[in-house]
Every structure is written in C-alpha cells, then in structure tokens.
C-alpha cells in the first residue's frame, strides 16, 4: 500500500517540478508579485510532498508534523494576498507536539491574518525556531499597530503565550512595520536530564 502511495507522491513531485519550471518562465516574462506569490506557494507544496515521501520511506509516523502544518498555514493565509513572503524554520520542530504545537499553529494563523487584514504590508517574514524554546517571529513592513482600536487577536496571542509559560511581544523594527515575537519553553521530556 505504501509503495503505491510513494509512487503517487513521486509522480506529484515530478508534476510539481514541471509546473514550477513553467512558472519560473512566466516570471522571466512578467514581473508580477501575484505570480511570484503563487510560485512561493507552489514551492511550499513541493516541500510538503518531499517531506511526505521521506516520512513514508523512513517508516516514521509520529501522527503529527509541525513543519508541514506551519508551511500550510503560511500558504493558506498569504497565498492569494499579494504579500512577498519568506519563511525560515530551524531546529528540531518534530519535538513540538501536543498543546504547544496547537498553540504554534493558532499563533501563526492569527499573526498572519493580522498582517493580511490590518497591516497594509507588502512584505512579511516568518521565522520559526526551536532551541530551548519555540520561537515564532512574524515581521511585516506595514503601518504598525495603531494606539487605539480592537486588539482581541493580540490578546489571544498573549493569553496563549502565558498559558504555555512564554511571552508575546510586539516591537517596531527600525525600518517600520511590526515584529511579533511569540516564545514558549519546550515541555520537559520524561526521563531526560
């Protein structure tokens, strides 16, 4: 059964590579942010397919993979927005599971929704890193956070950070815009240390 699934995924990978090559040709002829954004989304999909193939071939099945889940959220939230989007992930994201993984998904979704709907930004950069903590950083080049107005989404992000034993901060980079940094400690592994 896995053999057929792997074969299907490899076929999709070849199709995605061919589609990506065609889209690159379009970019050469047309300097359009929308086309570039679609290429980015397509590249994220290609990464997801590759990850699925490697997971199936290795036989590992932990029931959850944070990296593809976060990649899908970035694509879902920014794919048709016209935002230039970059995403960097580092560290062993596979150790982030359970409630902390749920928080990570919700935080990234809310932060990107805020950028898309309120920031009037042209660029958004997402960084997710795992070291001693899980850190999610979303930086945009938009108008910044107004002094007044509804902040229910930001309150939710702060509440999630506190629930996870972490912090949520908003800063203004020297170039303008907003940087949201959400950090939470990794849960202790039973029997470690």
Protein backbone atom coordinates (compact mmCIF):
# COMPACT_ATOMS: atom_id res chain seq x y z
CA UNK A 1 0.00 0.00 0.00
CA UNK A 2 2.79 2.42 0.92
CA UNK A 3 4.53 1.56 -2.36
CA UNK A 4 1.56 2.89 -4.36
CA UNK A 5 1.32 5.95 -2.14
CA UNK A 6 5.03 6.68 -2.54
CA UNK A 7 4.73 6.20 -6.31
CA UNK A 8 1.76 8.60 -6.41
CA UNK A 9 3.64 11.16 -4.33
CA UNK A 10 6.74 10.83 -6.54
CA UNK A 11 4.55 11.38 -9.63
CA UNK A 12 3.09 14.50 -7.95
CA UNK A 13 6.63 15.64 -7.18
CA UNK A 14 7.61 15.37 -10.87
CA UNK A 15 4.43 17.22 -11.90
CA UNK A 16 5.13 19.93 -9.32
CA UNK A 17 8.72 20.32 -10.56
CA UNK A 18 7.48 20.69 -14.14
CA UNK A 19 4.86 23.24 -13.04
CA UNK A 20 7.46 25.14 -11.05
CA UNK A 21 9.72 25.31 -14.14
CA UNK A 22 6.80 26.67 -16.20
CA UNK A 23 6.03 29.30 -13.53
CA UNK A 24 9.69 30.39 -13.45
CA UNK A 25 9.45 31.00 -17.21
CA UNK A 26 6.39 33.18 -16.65
CA UNK A 27 8.25 35.24 -14.04
CA UNK A 28 11.01 35.98 -16.53
CA UNK A 29 8.39 37.45 -18.89
CA UNK A 30 6.10 39.09 -16.33
CA UNK A 31 7.27 40.97 -13.24
CA UNK A 32 4.12 40.43 -11.21
CA UNK A 33 4.01 39.97 -7.41
CA UNK A 34 0.96 37.73 -7.73
CA UNK A 35 2.85 35.30 -9.94
CA UNK A 36 5.80 35.33 -7.56
CA UNK A 37 3.47 34.63 -4.64
CA UNK A 38 1.91 31.69 -6.47
CA UNK A 39 5.39 30.33 -7.19
CA UNK A 40 6.20 30.61 -3.49
CA UNK A 41 3.03 28.71 -2.58
CA UNK A 42 3.86 26.08 -5.20
CA UNK A 43 7.36 25.70 -3.77
CA UNK A 44 5.90 25.20 -0.29
CA UNK A 45 3.62 22.50 -1.70
CA UNK A 46 6.61 20.84 -3.33
CA UNK A 47 8.40 20.84 0.03
CA UNK A 48 5.35 19.22 1.66
CA UNK A 49 5.31 16.45 -0.96
CA UNK A 50 9.03 15.80 -0.49
CA UNK A 51 8.57 15.65 3.28
CA UNK A 52 5.69 13.18 2.89
CA UNK A 53 7.80 10.93 0.66
CA UNK A 54 10.73 10.92 3.10
CA UNK A 55 8.42 10.27 6.06
CA UNK A 56 6.81 7.31 4.27
CA UNK A 57 10.15 5.87 3.19
CA UNK A 58 11.62 6.17 6.69
CA UNK A 59 8.58 4.44 8.19
CA UNK A 60 8.27 7.09 10.90
CA UNK A 61 4.75 8.05 11.87
CA UNK A 62 4.52 10.22 14.94
CA UNK A 63 0.98 11.22 13.97
CA UNK A 64 1.88 14.88 13.61
CA UNK A 65 4.39 17.00 11.77
CA UNK A 66 4.60 20.66 12.74
CA UNK A 67 6.79 21.78 9.85
CA UNK A 68 4.27 20.94 7.08
CA UNK A 69 1.39 22.22 9.21
CA UNK A 70 3.05 25.64 9.61
CA UNK A 71 4.01 25.72 5.94
CA UNK A 72 0.38 25.06 5.01
CA UNK A 73 -0.77 27.90 7.28
CA UNK A 74 1.62 30.35 5.59
CA UNK A 75 0.32 29.27 2.18
CA UNK A 76 -3.31 29.41 3.31
CA UNK A 77 -3.01 32.86 4.90
CA UNK A 78 -0.75 34.62 2.37
CA UNK A 79 -1.12 32.62 -0.86
CA UNK A 80 -3.57 34.96 -2.58
CA UNK A 81 -2.75 38.13 -0.62
CA UNK A 82 -0.05 39.54 -2.90
CA UNK A 83 2.37 39.76 0.04
CA UNK A 84 6.01 38.90 -0.62
CA UNK A 85 6.53 36.17 1.93
CA UNK A 86 9.62 34.48 3.29
CA UNK A 87 9.64 31.61 5.75
CA UNK A 88 12.58 30.13 7.65
CA UNK A 89 12.39 27.19 10.04
CA UNK A 90 15.26 25.88 12.11
CA UNK A 91 15.80 23.37 14.83
CA UNK A 92 14.04 20.12 15.67
CA UNK A 93 10.43 21.14 15.09
CA UNK A 94 9.42 17.49 15.48
CA UNK A 95 9.84 17.81 19.27
CA UNK A 96 6.98 20.34 19.36
CA UNK A 97 3.81 18.29 19.81
CA UNK A 98 0.54 18.31 21.71
CA UNK A 99 -0.78 21.57 23.17
CA UNK A 100 2.37 23.53 22.27
CA UNK A 101 2.01 22.52 18.61
CA UNK A 102 -1.65 23.58 18.74
CA UNK A 103 -0.56 26.96 20.13
CA UNK A 104 2.09 27.31 17.40
CA UNK A 105 -0.45 26.74 14.64
CA UNK A 106 -3.01 29.13 16.14
CA UNK A 107 -0.39 31.83 16.81
CA UNK A 108 0.99 31.73 13.27
CA UNK A 109 -2.51 31.75 11.76
CA UNK A 110 -3.61 34.74 13.89
CA UNK A 111 -0.38 36.70 13.33
CA UNK A 112 -0.54 36.26 9.55
CA UNK A 113 -4.25 37.07 9.47
CA UNK A 114 -3.45 40.34 11.27
CA UNK A 115 -0.76 41.16 8.70
CA UNK A 116 -3.01 40.34 5.73
CA UNK A 117 -6.09 42.18 7.02
CA UNK A 118 -4.71 45.12 9.01
CA UNK A 119 -1.04 45.90 8.33
CA UNK A 120 -1.24 47.21 4.73
CA UNK A 121 2.10 45.46 4.28
CA UNK A 122 3.96 44.46 1.12
CA UNK A 123 6.36 42.01 2.78
CA UNK A 124 6.08 39.52 5.65
CA UNK A 125 8.89 37.38 7.05
CA UNK A 126 8.15 34.33 9.20
CA UNK A 127 10.80 32.65 11.32
CA UNK A 128 10.10 29.58 13.43
CA UNK A 129 12.94 28.20 15.52
CA UNK A 130 13.36 25.54 18.14
CA UNK A 131 16.23 25.62 20.59
CA UNK A 132 15.49 25.58 24.32
CA UNK A 133 12.26 27.36 23.40
CA UNK A 134 9.87 27.50 20.48
CA UNK A 135 10.05 30.99 18.95
CA UNK A 136 7.73 32.30 16.26
CA UNK A 137 8.65 35.67 14.79
CA UNK A 138 6.43 37.43 12.23
CA UNK A 139 7.77 40.71 10.83
CA UNK A 140 5.97 42.94 8.33
CA UNK A 141 6.68 46.26 6.64
CA UNK A 142 3.18 47.63 7.21
CA UNK A 143 1.73 50.61 9.05
CA UNK A 144 2.37 49.30 12.55
CA UNK A 145 -0.08 48.81 15.40
CA UNK A 146 -2.47 51.72 15.98
CA UNK A 147 -2.55 53.16 19.51
CA UNK A 148 -6.32 52.63 19.71
CA UNK A 149 -8.69 50.04 18.34
CA UNK A 150 -9.71 46.44 18.87
CA UNK A 151 -6.91 44.11 19.89
CA UNK A 152 -8.76 40.87 20.56
CA UNK A 153 -6.44 38.85 18.31
CA UNK A 154 -3.37 40.23 20.07
CA UNK A 155 -4.90 39.47 23.47
CA UNK A 156 -5.47 35.89 22.30
CA UNK A 157 -1.80 35.59 21.28
CA UNK A 158 -0.67 36.89 24.67
CA UNK A 159 -3.05 34.55 26.51
CA UNK A 160 -1.70 31.57 24.55
CA UNK A 161 1.87 32.56 25.41
CA UNK A 162 1.03 32.86 29.11
CA UNK A 163 -0.80 29.51 29.05
CA UNK A 164 2.33 27.91 27.56
CA UNK A 165 4.62 29.62 30.09
CA UNK A 166 6.04 32.02 27.50
CA UNK A 167 5.79 35.58 26.24
CA UNK A 168 4.38 37.54 23.33
CA UNK A 169 5.93 40.89 22.43
CA UNK A 170 5.28 43.47 19.75
CA UNK A 171 8.05 45.78 18.62
CA UNK A 172 8.61 48.23 15.79
CA UNK A 173 11.70 47.46 13.69
CA UNK A 174 13.90 50.43 12.77
CA UNK A 175 12.60 50.12 9.20
CA UNK A 176 8.97 50.37 10.36
CA UNK A 177 6.16 47.85 10.43
CA UNK A 178 5.61 45.38 13.24
CA UNK A 179 7.51 42.44 14.68
CA UNK A 180 5.58 39.91 16.74
CA UNK A 181 7.75 37.53 18.76
CA UNK A 182 5.99 34.63 20.48
CA UNK A 183 8.11 32.36 22.65
CA UNK A 184 7.29 29.36 24.82
CA UNK A 185 9.51 26.82 26.55
CA UNK A 186 9.58 23.27 25.27
CA UNK A 187 7.86 20.76 27.54
CA UNK A 188 10.20 18.64 29.62
CA UNK A 189 10.79 15.17 28.28
CA UNK A 190 10.05 12.48 30.90
CA UNK A 191 13.26 10.77 31.99
CA UNK A 192 15.52 13.46 30.47
CA UNK A 193 18.13 15.41 32.38
